[in-house]
C-alpha atoms as a PDB file:
ATOM      1  CA  UNK A   1      -0.418  18.131   5.572  1.00  0.00           C
ATOM      2  CA  UNK A   2       3.284  17.380   5.831  1.00  0.00           C
ATOM      3  CA  UNK A   3       5.775  20.013   4.742  1.00  0.00           C
ATOM      4  CA  UNK A   4       9.361  19.035   3.993  1.00  0.00           C
ATOM      5  CA  UNK A   5      11.442  22.214   4.047  1.00  0.00           C
ATOM      6  CA  UNK A   6      14.221  22.131   1.475  1.00  0.00           C
ATOM      7  CA  UNK A   7      17.026  24.672   1.376  1.00  0.00           C
ATOM      8  CA  UNK A   8      19.465  24.933  -1.544  1.00  0.00           C
ATOM      9  CA  UNK A   9      21.687  22.192  -0.117  1.00  0.00           C
ATOM     10  CA  UNK A  10      18.727  19.817   0.351  1.00  0.00           C
ATOM     11  CA  UNK A  11      17.593  20.383  -3.229  1.00  0.00           C
ATOM     12  CA  UNK A  12      21.124  19.683  -4.437  1.00  0.00           C
ATOM     13  CA  UNK A  13      21.151  16.442  -2.400  1.00  0.00           C
ATOM     14  CA  UNK A  14      17.774  15.213  -3.682  1.00  0.00           C
ATOM     15  CA  UNK A  15      18.222  11.886  -5.452  1.00  0.00           C
ATOM     16  CA  UNK A  16      16.554   8.650  -6.515  1.00  0.00           C
ATOM     17  CA  UNK A  17      16.980   5.418  -4.544  1.00  0.00           C
ATOM     18  CA  UNK A  18      16.248   1.879  -5.743  1.00  0.00           C
ATOM     19  CA  UNK A  19      15.140  -0.426  -2.940  1.00  0.00           C
ATOM     20  CA  UNK A  20      13.980  -4.055  -3.179  1.00  0.00           C
ATOM     21  CA  UNK A  21      12.620  -3.925   0.381  1.00  0.00           C
ATOM     22  CA  UNK A  22      10.575  -0.766  -0.177  1.00  0.00           C
ATOM     23  CA  UNK A  23       8.778  -2.593  -2.968  1.00  0.00           C
ATOM     24  CA  UNK A  24       8.061  -5.518  -0.640  1.00  0.00           C
ATOM     25  CA  UNK A  25       6.509  -3.190   1.948  1.00  0.00           C
ATOM     26  CA  UNK A  26       4.703  -1.305  -0.842  1.00  0.00           C
ATOM     27  CA  UNK A  27       3.066  -4.557  -1.924  1.00  0.00           C
ATOM     28  CA  UNK A  28       1.705  -5.091   1.582  1.00  0.00           C
ATOM     29  CA  UNK A  29      -0.522  -2.024   1.318  1.00  0.00           C
ATOM     30  CA  UNK A  30      -2.580  -4.053  -1.159  1.00  0.00           C
ATOM     31  CA  UNK A  31      -3.761  -6.146   1.808  1.00  0.00           C
ATOM     32  CA  UNK A  32      -5.938  -3.210   2.856  1.00  0.00           C
ATOM     33  CA  UNK A  33      -8.144  -3.369  -0.231  1.00  0.00           C
ATOM     34  CA  UNK A  34      -8.958  -5.415  -3.306  1.00  0.00           C
ATOM     35  CA  UNK A  35      -7.907  -2.582  -5.600  1.00  0.00           C
ATOM     36  CA  UNK A  36      -4.756  -4.348  -6.715  1.00  0.00           C
ATOM     37  CA  UNK A  37      -6.474  -7.654  -7.460  1.00  0.00           C
ATOM     38  CA  UNK A  38      -7.803  -6.686 -10.888  1.00  0.00           C
ATOM     39  CA  UNK A  39      -7.111  -4.229 -13.628  1.00  0.00           C
ATOM     40  CA  UNK A  40      -6.026  -4.373 -17.221  1.00  0.00           C
ATOM     41  CA  UNK A  41      -2.295  -4.561 -17.680  1.00  0.00           C
ATOM     42  CA  UNK A  42      -1.662  -5.290 -13.996  1.00  0.00           C
ATOM     43  CA  UNK A  43      -2.063  -9.045 -13.818  1.00  0.00           C
ATOM     44  CA  UNK A  44       0.524 -11.492 -12.600  1.00  0.00           C
ATOM     45  CA  UNK A  45       1.106 -15.134 -13.436  1.00  0.00           C
ATOM     46  CA  UNK A  46      -2.030 -17.080 -14.244  1.00  0.00           C
ATOM     47  CA  UNK A  47      -4.105 -13.908 -14.635  1.00  0.00           C
ATOM     48  CA  UNK A  48      -3.792 -12.918 -10.978  1.00  0.00           C
ATOM     49  CA  UNK A  49      -3.541  -9.244 -10.145  1.00  0.00           C
ATOM     50  CA  UNK A  50      -0.818  -8.073  -7.755  1.00  0.00           C
ATOM     51  CA  UNK A  51      -3.226  -7.807  -4.819  1.00  0.00           C
ATOM     52  CA  UNK A  52      -4.312 -11.420  -5.192  1.00  0.00           C
ATOM     53  CA  UNK A  53      -0.689 -12.469  -5.595  1.00  0.00           C
ATOM     54  CA  UNK A  54       0.378 -10.812  -2.347  1.00  0.00           C
ATOM     55  CA  UNK A  55      -2.642 -12.017  -0.367  1.00  0.00           C
ATOM     56  CA  UNK A  56      -2.043 -15.573  -1.566  1.00  0.00           C
ATOM     57  CA  UNK A  57       1.631 -15.421  -0.568  1.00  0.00           C
ATOM     58  CA  UNK A  58       0.783 -14.010   2.866  1.00  0.00           C
ATOM     59  CA  UNK A  59      -1.820 -16.728   3.403  1.00  0.00           C
ATOM     60  CA  UNK A  60       0.253 -19.655   2.130  1.00  0.00           C
ATOM     61  CA  UNK A  61       3.411 -18.608   3.995  1.00  0.00           C
ATOM     62  CA  UNK A  62       1.378 -17.758   7.124  1.00  0.00           C
ATOM     63  CA  UNK A  63       2.886 -14.306   7.439  1.00  0.00           C
ATOM     64  CA  UNK A  64       0.611 -13.347  10.308  1.00  0.00           C
ATOM     65  CA  UNK A  65       2.841 -10.593  11.681  1.00  0.00           C
ATOM     66  CA  UNK A  66       3.045  -8.707   8.386  1.00  0.00           C
ATOM     67  CA  UNK A  67      -0.684  -9.146   7.862  1.00  0.00           C
ATOM     68  CA  UNK A  68      -1.418  -7.706  11.301  1.00  0.00           C
ATOM     69  CA  UNK A  69       0.905  -4.727  10.720  1.00  0.00           C
ATOM     70  CA  UNK A  70      -0.670  -3.728   7.401  1.00  0.00           C
ATOM     71  CA  UNK A  71      -4.362  -4.461   7.962  1.00  0.00           C
ATOM     72  CA  UNK A  72      -4.952  -2.530  11.175  1.00  0.00           C
ATOM     73  CA  UNK A  73      -6.961   0.677  11.446  1.00  0.00           C
ATOM     74  CA  UNK A  74      -3.865   2.768  12.180  1.00  0.00           C
ATOM     75  CA  UNK A  75      -2.484   5.232   9.650  1.00  0.00           C
ATOM     76  CA  UNK A  76       1.191   4.990  10.595  1.00  0.00           C
ATOM     77  CA  UNK A  77       3.387   1.982   9.786  1.00  0.00           C
ATOM     78  CA  UNK A  78       6.681   1.839  11.750  1.00  0.00           C
ATOM     79  CA  UNK A  79       9.534   3.489   9.846  1.00  0.00           C
ATOM     80  CA  UNK A  80      12.018   0.754  10.761  1.00  0.00           C
ATOM     81  CA  UNK A  81      10.393  -1.361   8.021  1.00  0.00           C
ATOM     82  CA  UNK A  82      11.950   1.077   5.513  1.00  0.00           C
ATOM     83  CA  UNK A  83      15.540   1.484   6.741  1.00  0.00           C
ATOM     84  CA  UNK A  84      17.533   4.505   5.643  1.00  0.00           C
ATOM     85  CA  UNK A  85      19.299   3.794   2.323  1.00  0.00           C
ATOM     86  CA  UNK A  86      23.038   4.326   2.228  1.00  0.00           C
ATOM     87  CA  UNK A  87      23.517   4.285  -1.550  1.00  0.00           C
ATOM     88  CA  UNK A  88      21.632   4.628  -4.837  1.00  0.00           C
ATOM     89  CA  UNK A  89      20.728   0.926  -5.005  1.00  0.00           C
ATOM     90  CA  UNK A  90      20.406  -1.072  -1.822  1.00  0.00           C
ATOM     91  CA  UNK A  91      20.682  -4.834  -1.518  1.00  0.00           C
ATOM     92  CA  UNK A  92      17.851  -6.798   0.032  1.00  0.00           C
ATOM     93  CA  UNK A  93      20.262  -8.523   2.419  1.00  0.00           C
ATOM     94  CA  UNK A  94      21.543  -5.232   3.839  1.00  0.00           C
ATOM     95  CA  UNK A  95      18.025  -3.860   4.185  1.00  0.00           C
ATOM     96  CA  UNK A  96      16.716  -6.957   5.983  1.00  0.00           C
ATOM     97  CA  UNK A  97      19.711  -6.852   8.317  1.00  0.00           C
ATOM     98  CA  UNK A  98      18.851  -3.247   9.194  1.00  0.00           C
ATOM     99  CA  UNK A  99      15.257  -4.296   9.993  1.00  0.00           C
ATOM    100  CA  UNK A 100      16.348  -7.242  12.129  1.00  0.00           C
ATOM    101  CA  UNK A 101      18.857  -5.177  14.133  1.00  0.00           C
ATOM    102  CA  UNK A 102      16.866  -1.977  14.670  1.00  0.00           C
ATOM    103  CA  UNK A 103      17.451  -0.356  18.061  1.00  0.00           C
ATOM    104  CA  UNK A 104      14.914  -1.781  20.567  1.00  0.00           C
ATOM    105  CA  UNK A 105      13.971   1.663  21.892  1.00  0.00           C
ATOM    106  CA  UNK A 106      13.255   2.917  18.388  1.00  0.00           C
ATOM    107  CA  UNK A 107      11.090  -0.098  17.553  1.00  0.00           C
ATOM    108  CA  UNK A 108       9.164   0.250  20.811  1.00  0.00           C
ATOM    109  CA  UNK A 109       8.539   3.951  20.206  1.00  0.00           C
ATOM    110  CA  UNK A 110       7.349   3.447  16.641  1.00  0.00           C
ATOM    111  CA  UNK A 111       5.032   0.532  17.497  1.00  0.00           C
ATOM    112  CA  UNK A 112       3.645   2.559  20.397  1.00  0.00           C
ATOM    113  CA  UNK A 113       2.888   5.462  18.050  1.00  0.00           C
ATOM    114  CA  UNK A 114       1.289   3.092  15.533  1.00  0.00           C
ATOM    115  CA  UNK A 115      -1.112   1.646  18.107  1.00  0.00           C
ATOM    116  CA  UNK A 116      -1.833   4.734  20.218  1.00  0.00           C
ATOM    117  CA  UNK A 117      -1.715   7.304  17.454  1.00  0.00           C
ATOM    118  CA  UNK A 118      -0.639  10.921  17.911  1.00  0.00           C
ATOM    119  CA  UNK A 119      -3.289  13.629  17.667  1.00  0.00           C
ATOM    120  CA  UNK A 120      -0.710  16.407  17.323  1.00  0.00           C
ATOM    121  CA  UNK A 121       0.805  14.699  14.282  1.00  0.00           C
ATOM    122  CA  UNK A 122      -2.540  13.657  12.795  1.00  0.00           C
ATOM    123  CA  UNK A 123      -1.753   9.944  13.246  1.00  0.00           C
ATOM    124  CA  UNK A 124      -4.678   7.634  14.048  1.00  0.00           C
ATOM    125  CA  UNK A 125      -4.087   4.546  16.172  1.00  0.00           C
ATOM    126  CA  UNK A 126      -5.952   1.264  16.398  1.00  0.00           C
ATOM    127  CA  UNK A 127      -6.492  -1.919  18.380  1.00  0.00           C
ATOM    128  CA  UNK A 128      -3.669  -4.459  18.146  1.00  0.00           C
ATOM    129  CA  UNK A 129      -4.650  -7.916  16.825  1.00  0.00           C
ATOM    130  CA  UNK A 130      -3.667 -11.013  18.764  1.00  0.00           C
ATOM    131  CA  UNK A 131      -0.835 -12.000  16.423  1.00  0.00           C
ATOM    132  CA  UNK A 132       0.826  -8.639  16.897  1.00  0.00           C
ATOM    133  CA  UNK A 133       0.498  -8.747  20.680  1.00  0.00           C
ATOM    134  CA  UNK A 134       1.955 -12.261  20.828  1.00  0.00           C
ATOM    135  CA  UNK A 135       4.972 -11.133  18.812  1.00  0.00           C
ATOM    136  CA  UNK A 136       5.460  -8.039  20.982  1.00  0.00           C
ATOM    137  CA  UNK A 137       5.416 -10.182  24.129  1.00  0.00           C
ATOM    138  CA  UNK A 138       8.587 -11.888  22.873  1.00  0.00           C
ATOM    139  CA  UNK A 139      10.538  -8.646  23.150  1.00  0.00           C
ATOM    140  CA  UNK A 140      11.693  -5.985  20.686  1.00  0.00           C
ATOM    141  CA  UNK A 141      14.748  -7.887  19.422  1.00  0.00           C
ATOM    142  CA  UNK A 142      12.814 -11.038  18.540  1.00  0.00           C
ATOM    143  CA  UNK A 143       9.941  -8.974  17.131  1.00  0.00           C
ATOM    144  CA  UNK A 144      12.352  -7.271  14.709  1.00  0.00           C
ATOM    145  CA  UNK A 145      13.841 -10.605  13.659  1.00  0.00           C
ATOM    146  CA  UNK A 146      10.384 -12.062  13.032  1.00  0.00           C
ATOM    147  CA  UNK A 147       9.408  -9.088  10.859  1.00  0.00           C
ATOM    148  CA  UNK A 148      12.620  -9.398   8.840  1.00  0.00           C
ATOM    149  CA  UNK A 149      12.088 -13.149   8.382  1.00  0.00           C
ATOM    150  CA  UNK A 150       8.524 -12.673   7.136  1.00  0.00           C
ATOM    151  CA  UNK A 151       9.605  -9.891   4.764  1.00  0.00           C
ATOM    152  CA  UNK A 152      12.213 -12.264   3.330  1.00  0.00           C
ATOM    153  CA  UNK A 153       9.588 -14.967   2.843  1.00  0.00           C
ATOM    154  CA  UNK A 154       7.299 -12.549   1.011  1.00  0.00           C
ATOM    155  CA  UNK A 155      10.190 -11.563  -1.228  1.00  0.00           C
ATOM    156  CA  UNK A 156      10.919 -15.211  -2.062  1.00  0.00           C
ATOM    157  CA  UNK A 157       7.277 -16.048  -2.728  1.00  0.00           C
ATOM    158  CA  UNK A 158       5.976 -13.041  -4.642  1.00  0.00           C
ATOM    159  CA  UNK A 159       8.419 -10.221  -5.346  1.00  0.00           C
ATOM    160  CA  UNK A 160      11.837 -11.777  -5.974  1.00  0.00           C
ATOM    161  CA  UNK A 161      10.822 -13.968  -8.941  1.00  0.00           C
ATOM    162  CA  UNK A 162       9.438 -10.857 -10.676  1.00  0.00           C
ATOM    163  CA  UNK A 163      12.190  -8.454  -9.644  1.00  0.00           C
ATOM    164  CA  UNK A 164      14.038  -8.269 -13.010  1.00  0.00           C
ATOM    165  CA  UNK A 165      10.876  -7.015 -14.753  1.00  0.00           C
ATOM    166  CA  UNK A 166       9.955  -4.763 -11.832  1.00  0.00           C
ATOM    167  CA  UNK A 167      13.481  -3.379 -11.686  1.00  0.00           C
ATOM    168  CA  UNK A 168      13.357  -2.597 -15.414  1.00  0.00           C
ATOM    169  CA  UNK A 169      10.195  -0.594 -14.833  1.00  0.00           C
ATOM    170  CA  UNK A 170      11.893   1.312 -11.998  1.00  0.00           C
ATOM    171  CA  UNK A 171      14.926   2.060 -14.175  1.00  0.00           C
ATOM    172  CA  UNK A 172      12.639   3.343 -16.925  1.00  0.00           C
ATOM    173  CA  UNK A 173      10.779   5.569 -14.478  1.00  0.00           C
ATOM    174  CA  UNK A 174      13.996   7.139 -13.203  1.00  0.00           C
ATOM    175  CA  UNK A 175      15.262   7.654 -16.779  1.00  0.00           C
ATOM    176  CA  UNK A 176      12.057   9.421 -17.790  1.00  0.00           C
ATOM    177  CA  UNK A 177      12.094  11.686 -14.750  1.00  0.00           C
ATOM    178  CA  UNK A 178      15.791  12.474 -15.222  1.00  0.00           C
ATOM    179  CA  UNK A 179      14.993  13.544 -18.784  1.00  0.00           C
ATOM    180  CA  UNK A 180      12.089  15.626 -17.508  1.00  0.00           C
ATOM    181  CA  UNK A 181      14.422  17.324 -14.990  1.00  0.00           C
ATOM    182  CA  UNK A 182      16.968  18.039 -17.734  1.00  0.00           C
ATOM    183  CA  UNK A 183      14.317  19.675 -19.923  1.00  0.00           C
ATOM    184  CA  UNK A 184      12.063  21.379 -17.388  1.00  0.00           C
ATOM    185  CA  UNK A 185      13.926  21.438 -14.067  1.00  0.00           C
ATOM    186  CA  UNK A 186      13.725  19.481 -10.808  1.00  0.00           C
ATOM    187  CA  UNK A 187      10.557  21.324  -9.777  1.00  0.00           C
ATOM    188  CA  UNK A 188       8.657  19.571 -12.574  1.00  0.00           C
ATOM    189  CA  UNK A 189       9.838  16.201 -11.263  1.00  0.00           C
ATOM    190  CA  UNK A 190       8.910  16.914  -7.637  1.00  0.00           C
ATOM    191  CA  UNK A 191       5.526  18.348  -8.594  1.00  0.00           C
ATOM    192  CA  UNK A 192       4.796  15.441 -10.934  1.00  0.00           C
ATOM    193  CA  UNK A 193       5.499  12.531  -8.571  1.00  0.00           C
ATOM    194  CA  UNK A 194       1.889  12.200  -7.435  1.00  0.00           C
ATOM    195  CA  UNK A 195      -1.243  14.404  -7.306  1.00  0.00           C
ATOM    196  CA  UNK A 196      -0.731  14.746  -3.547  1.00  0.00           C
ATOM    197  CA  UNK A 197       2.834  16.075  -3.876  1.00  0.00           C
ATOM    198  CA  UNK A 198       3.196  19.834  -4.367  1.00  0.00           C
ATOM    199  CA  UNK A 199       6.410  21.794  -4.719  1.00  0.00           C
ATOM    200  CA  UNK A 200       6.989  25.505  -4.103  1.00  0.00           C
ATOM    201  CA  UNK A 201       9.810  27.806  -3.062  1.00  0.00           C
ATOM    202  CA  UNK A 202       9.653  26.562   0.547  1.00  0.00           C
ATOM    203  CA  UNK A 203       9.914  22.870  -0.248  1.00  0.00           C
ATOM    204  CA  UNK A 204       7.578  19.922  -0.723  1.00  0.00           C
ATOM    205  CA  UNK A 205       4.009  19.775   0.579  1.00  0.00           C
ATOM    206  CA  UNK A 206       2.423  16.352   0.975  1.00  0.00           C
ATOM    207  CA  UNK A 207      -1.383  16.277   1.099  1.00  0.00           C
ATOM    208  CA  UNK A 208      -1.719  13.498   3.666  1.00  0.00           C
ATOM    209  CA  UNK A 209      -3.487  13.143   7.013  1.00  0.00           C
ATOM    210  CA  UNK A 210      -0.313  13.461   9.077  1.00  0.00           C
ATOM    211  CA  UNK A 211       0.736  16.968  10.136  1.00  0.00           C
ATOM    212  CA  UNK A 212       4.314  18.135  10.616  1.00  0.00           C
ATOM    213  CA  UNK A 213       6.904  20.592   9.350  1.00  0.00           C
ATOM    214  CA  UNK A 214      10.269  18.953   8.816  1.00  0.00           C
ATOM    215  CA  UNK A 215      13.540  20.583   7.796  1.00  0.00           C
ATOM    216  CA  UNK A 216      15.609  18.288   5.585  1.00  0.00           C
ATOM    217  CA  UNK A 217      19.223  18.129   4.484  1.00  0.00           C
ATOM    218  CA  UNK A 218      18.313  15.814   1.606  1.00  0.00           C
ATOM    219  CA  UNK A 219      15.290  14.128   0.048  1.00  0.00           C
ATOM    220  CA  UNK A 220      15.127  10.582  -1.296  1.00  0.00           C
ATOM    221  CA  UNK A 221      12.730   9.668  -4.113  1.00  0.00           C
ATOM    222  CA  UNK A 222      11.903   5.973  -4.294  1.00  0.00           C
ATOM    223  CA  UNK A 223       9.855   4.450  -7.156  1.00  0.00           C
ATOM    224  CA  UNK A 224       7.564   1.574  -6.169  1.00  0.00           C
ATOM    225  CA  UNK A 225       5.595  -0.733  -8.439  1.00  0.00           C
ATOM    226  CA  UNK A 226       2.706  -2.376  -6.564  1.00  0.00           C
ATOM    227  CA  UNK A 227       0.507   0.222  -4.907  1.00  0.00           C
ATOM    228  CA  UNK A 228      -0.772   3.326  -6.678  1.00  0.00           C
ATOM    229  CA  UNK A 229      -0.690   5.200  -3.390  1.00  0.00           C
ATOM    230  CA  UNK A 230       1.842   7.706  -2.097  1.00  0.00           C
ATOM    231  CA  UNK A 231       3.796   6.693   1.007  1.00  0.00           C
ATOM    232  CA  UNK A 232       6.192   8.787   3.034  1.00  0.00           C
ATOM    233  CA  UNK A 233       8.865   7.859   5.518  1.00  0.00           C
ATOM    234  CA  UNK A 234       9.626  11.099   7.364  1.00  0.00           C
ATOM    235  CA  UNK A 235      10.532   9.952  10.868  1.00  0.00           C
ATOM    236  CA  UNK A 236       8.542  12.622  12.733  1.00  0.00           C
ATOM    237  CA  UNK A 237       8.681  10.846  16.083  1.00  0.00           C
ATOM    238  CA  UNK A 238       9.964  13.003  18.964  1.00  0.00           C
ATOM    239  CA  UNK A 239      13.261  11.844  20.381  1.00  0.00           C
ATOM    240  CA  UNK A 240      14.072   9.580  17.431  1.00  0.00           C
ATOM    241  CA  UNK A 241      17.237   9.996  15.379  1.00  0.00           C
ATOM    242  CA  UNK A 242      16.093  12.144  12.507  1.00  0.00           C
ATOM    243  CA  UNK A 243      16.483  10.437   9.140  1.00  0.00           C
ATOM    244  CA  UNK A 244      16.316  11.858   5.646  1.00  0.00           C
ATOM    245  CA  UNK A 245      12.700  11.977   4.446  1.00  0.00           C
ATOM    246  CA  UNK A 246      11.766   9.557   1.681  1.00  0.00           C
ATOM    247  CA  UNK A 247       8.882   9.810  -0.771  1.00  0.00           C
ATOM    248  CA  UNK A 248       7.746   6.401  -2.030  1.00  0.00           C
ATOM    249  CA  UNK A 249       5.776   7.141  -5.183  1.00  0.00           C
ATOM    250  CA  UNK A 250       4.204   4.865  -7.850  1.00  0.00           C
ATOM    251  CA  UNK A 251       6.464   4.376 -10.863  1.00  0.00           C
ATOM    252  CA  UNK A 252       5.154   5.021 -14.342  1.00  0.00           C
ATOM    253  CA  UNK A 253       3.161   2.007 -15.597  1.00  0.00           C
ATOM    254  CA  UNK A 254       5.124  -0.468 -17.713  1.00  0.00           C
ATOM    255  CA  UNK A 255       6.082  -1.472 -20.227  1.00  0.00           C
ATOM    256  CA  UNK A 256       7.975   1.767 -20.731  1.00  0.00           C
ATOM    257  CA  UNK A 257       9.441   2.848 -24.069  1.00  0.00           C
ATOM    258  CA  UNK A 258      12.789   3.699 -22.467  1.00  0.00           C
ATOM    259  CA  UNK A 259      14.836   6.895 -22.499  1.00  0.00           C
ATOM    260  CA  UNK A 260      15.673   6.793 -26.216  1.00  0.00           C
ATOM    261  CA  UNK A 261      11.990   6.639 -27.184  1.00  0.00           C
ATOM    262  CA  UNK A 262      11.191   9.291 -24.627  1.00  0.00           C
ATOM    263  CA  UNK A 263      13.589  11.684 -26.331  1.00  0.00           C
ATOM    264  CA  UNK A 264      11.968  11.014 -29.692  1.00  0.00           C
ATOM    265  CA  UNK A 265       8.395  11.405 -28.474  1.00  0.00           C
ATOM    266  CA  UNK A 266       6.924  14.412 -26.584  1.00  0.00           C
ATOM    267  CA  UNK A 267       4.564  12.024 -24.797  1.00  0.00           C
ATOM    268  CA  UNK A 268       7.534  10.306 -23.161  1.00  0.00           C
ATOM    269  CA  UNK A 269       8.469  13.234 -20.935  1.00  0.00           C
ATOM    270  CA  UNK A 270       5.321  15.380 -20.843  1.00  0.00           C
ATOM    271  CA  UNK A 271       2.481  12.995 -20.156  1.00  0.00           C
ATOM    272  CA  UNK A 272       2.628  11.463 -16.757  1.00  0.00           C
ATOM    273  CA  UNK A 273      -0.588   9.918 -15.450  1.00  0.00           C
ATOM    274  CA  UNK A 274      -1.944  13.131 -13.926  1.00  0.00           C
ATOM    275  CA  UNK A 275      -1.237  15.318 -16.955  1.00  0.00           C
ATOM    276  CA  UNK A 276      -2.641  12.704 -19.314  1.00  0.00           C
ATOM    277  CA  UNK A 277      -5.921  12.656 -17.371  1.00  0.00           C
ATOM    278  CA  UNK A 278      -6.159  16.440 -17.329  1.00  0.00           C
ATOM    279  CA  UNK A 279      -5.332  16.720 -21.019  1.00  0.00           C
ATOM    280  CA  UNK A 280      -7.916  14.084 -21.960  1.00  0.00           C
ATOM    281  CA  UNK A 281     -10.554  16.040 -20.021  1.00  0.00           C
ATOM    282  CA  UNK A 282      -9.871  19.229 -21.956  1.00  0.00           C
ATOM    283  CA  UNK A 283     -11.653  18.288 -25.171  1.00  0.00           C
ATOM    284  CA  UNK A 284     -13.967  21.134 -24.072  1.00  0.00           C
ATOM    285  CA  UNK A 285     -12.890  24.368 -22.323  1.00  0.00           C
ATOM    286  CA  UNK A 286     -12.534  24.042 -18.549  1.00  0.00           C
ATOM    287  CA  UNK A 287     -11.160  26.216 -15.748  1.00  0.00           C
ATOM    288  CA  UNK A 288      -8.542  25.294 -13.146  1.00  0.00           C
ATOM    289  CA  UNK A 289     -11.215  25.194 -10.426  1.00  0.00           C
ATOM    290  CA  UNK A 290     -13.457  22.909 -12.466  1.00  0.00           C
ATOM    291  CA  UNK A 291     -10.603  20.507 -13.197  1.00  0.00           C
ATOM    292  CA  UNK A 292      -9.566  20.471  -9.538  1.00  0.00           C
ATOM    293  CA  UNK A 293     -13.100  19.466  -8.514  1.00  0.00           C
ATOM    294  CA  UNK A 294     -13.496  16.871 -11.270  1.00  0.00           C
ATOM    295  CA  UNK A 295     -10.152  15.180 -10.539  1.00  0.00           C
ATOM    296  CA  UNK A 296     -10.076  15.761  -6.755  1.00  0.00           C
ATOM    297  CA  UNK A 297      -6.780  17.602  -6.924  1.00  0.00           C
ATOM    298  CA  UNK A 298      -5.523  20.768  -5.275  1.00  0.00           C
ATOM    299  CA  UNK A 299      -6.027  23.810  -7.497  1.00  0.00           C
ATOM    300  CA  UNK A 300      -2.301  24.592  -7.211  1.00  0.00           C
ATOM    301  CA  UNK A 301      -1.467  21.095  -8.534  1.00  0.00           C
ATOM    302  CA  UNK A 302      -3.808  21.518 -11.499  1.00  0.00           C
ATOM    303  CA  UNK A 303      -2.418  24.988 -12.190  1.00  0.00           C
ATOM    304  CA  UNK A 304       1.142  23.672 -12.244  1.00  0.00           C
ATOM    305  CA  UNK A 305       0.354  20.839 -14.691  1.00  0.00           C
ATOM    306  CA  UNK A 306      -1.699  23.141 -16.930  1.00  0.00           C
ATOM    307  CA  UNK A 307       1.253  25.514 -17.079  1.00  0.00           C
ATOM    308  CA  UNK A 308       3.557  22.733 -18.276  1.00  0.00           C
ATOM    309  CA  UNK A 309       1.046  21.587 -20.907  1.00  0.00           C
ATOM    310  CA  UNK A 310       0.390  25.153 -22.059  1.00  0.00           C
ATOM    311  CA  UNK A 311       4.108  25.950 -22.462  1.00  0.00           C
ATOM    312  CA  UNK A 312       4.474  22.753 -24.492  1.00  0.00           C
ATOM    313  CA  UNK A 313       1.832  23.949 -26.940  1.00  0.00           C
ATOM    314  CA  UNK A 314      -0.708  21.292 -25.938  1.00  0.00           C
ATOM    315  CA  UNK A 315      -3.292  23.709 -24.528  1.00  0.00           C
ATOM    316  CA  UNK A 316      -4.768  27.009 -25.625  1.00  0.00           C
ATOM    317  CA  UNK A 317      -5.795  29.474 -22.923  1.00  0.00           C
ATOM    318  CA  UNK A 318      -8.711  31.890 -23.367  1.00  0.00           C
ATOM    319  CA  UNK A 319     -10.616  34.122 -20.981  1.00  0.00           C
ATOM    320  CA  UNK A 320     -14.329  34.131 -20.177  1.00  0.00           C
ATOM    321  CA  UNK A 321     -15.028  37.023 -17.834  1.00  0.00           C
ATOM    322  CA  UNK A 322     -12.683  36.573 -14.862  1.00  0.00           C
ATOM    323  CA  UNK A 323     -12.005  32.902 -15.638  1.00  0.00           C
ATOM    324  CA  UNK A 324      -9.114  31.417 -17.613  1.00  0.00           C
ATOM    325  CA  UNK A 325     -10.254  28.434 -19.695  1.00  0.00           C
ATOM    326  CA  UNK A 326      -8.011  25.733 -21.146  1.00  0.00           C
ATOM    327  CA  UNK A 327      -8.642  23.454 -24.125  1.00  0.00           C
ATOM    328  CA  UNK A 328      -6.611  20.969 -26.185  1.00  0.00           C
ATOM    329  CA  UNK A 329      -4.775  22.126 -29.279  1.00  0.00           C
ATOM    330  CA  UNK A 330      -4.631  19.975 -32.446  1.00  0.00           C
ATOM    331  CA  UNK A 331      -1.093  19.027 -31.450  1.00  0.00           C
ATOM    332  CA  UNK A 332      -2.424  17.582 -28.173  1.00  0.00           C
ATOM    333  CA  UNK A 333      -4.792  15.267 -30.003  1.00  0.00           C
ATOM    334  CA  UNK A 334      -1.924  13.995 -32.173  1.00  0.00           C
ATOM    335  CA  UNK A 335       0.264  13.513 -29.090  1.00  0.00           C
ATOM    336  CA  UNK A 336      -2.443  11.573 -27.266  1.00  0.00           C
ATOM    337  CA  UNK A 337      -2.893   9.251 -30.225  1.00  0.00           C
ATOM    338  CA  UNK A 338       0.853   8.666 -30.444  1.00  0.00           C
ATOM    339  CA  UNK A 339       1.116   8.120 -26.660  1.00  0.00           C
END
C-alpha cells in the first residue's frame, strides 16, 4: 500500500491536471492485455476497441521501445515518461521535450529500478527484452530521445486524431467531480476516484503492490481515458528529486451529460461507477462485509460509498442482530432508471 500524507496545505493545493502525454502512456497499458480490445461503447473507428487500436499503431509504426517498456513483467514504469506538470493543461510539445531532456542520472536510476525491482518498495523487476537493451546501449540521452520520438508517433497515429472527443470527456469528468466537491466536499472526490483509492484524516491510501509513505505538499489528479486501471506517479526512488505525487485515474465513461445536466439530475453527481455497482446490488439487503467480498473492495471503501448513498436517501439501513443491512429505496430505483 502507498500512503500519500496530506497536511492542510497539501489538501488546499490539490488540483486537476489535463495532460495529452499521460493519456498516451495510459493507452500503452492496454498492450498488457486484450481487455481494451472489446466492449460495448468503447470501440474506435471501424469497430476497433482502444486496445486493438493501440496495438495496431505500435505494430505499424514499429514502436519497439515503447512495446518493450510496457509489456515486461516489471510493475514499475519509469516516472520520466510522465513529466511533472507545470500548469493546469500541459501541451504535448512541452511534455515530450521534458521526456527527451530528462537528466541522464535520473533515467538510469529509474530504468535500473524497473528492471531490478525493489523489495523494500514492493516493486517487482523483470528481464529486459533485446529491443530495450539495444536502446540502453546507445546511452541515456539517446534513449530518452528515442522514447520521446516513439511517444510522438503513437500520438500522431492513435491518440491525436481522437483528442478533441477525448478532451471533451476529460472536461466533463472534471466538471462532474468539481460539482461533487462543491456539494459533498473534496473527501468525496478523493474517495471516489477509484475503488483502490481511500481517503482519511491522514491523507490518501492507494491499494497497490508498491509500499511507501510519502509526505506531499500538493496532489495532482489526472483523468485518463484508455485504461480502466489506476496508475500513480509518486517518485519514491531514493536520491531522486522528489516530485508532487500524481494519481492517474479513469475518467467517467462518455458521452457525459455535462455539468448543466449533472446539476439537474441526482445521478450526475452521485453515481460514479463504483456507487452505481453497489446500488444495483442492493435490490436485496446486504451488509458492508458482504458487499466488500462481492465487489472485491476494501470494507472502508464500501462503507464510505454506502454513507454517501444513505445520506442522499437512496438506501435504507436496518439492523439484523449485530449487522447493519442496506437496501435500495424507491427513490434509488427511479434514479437508476433515469441514469
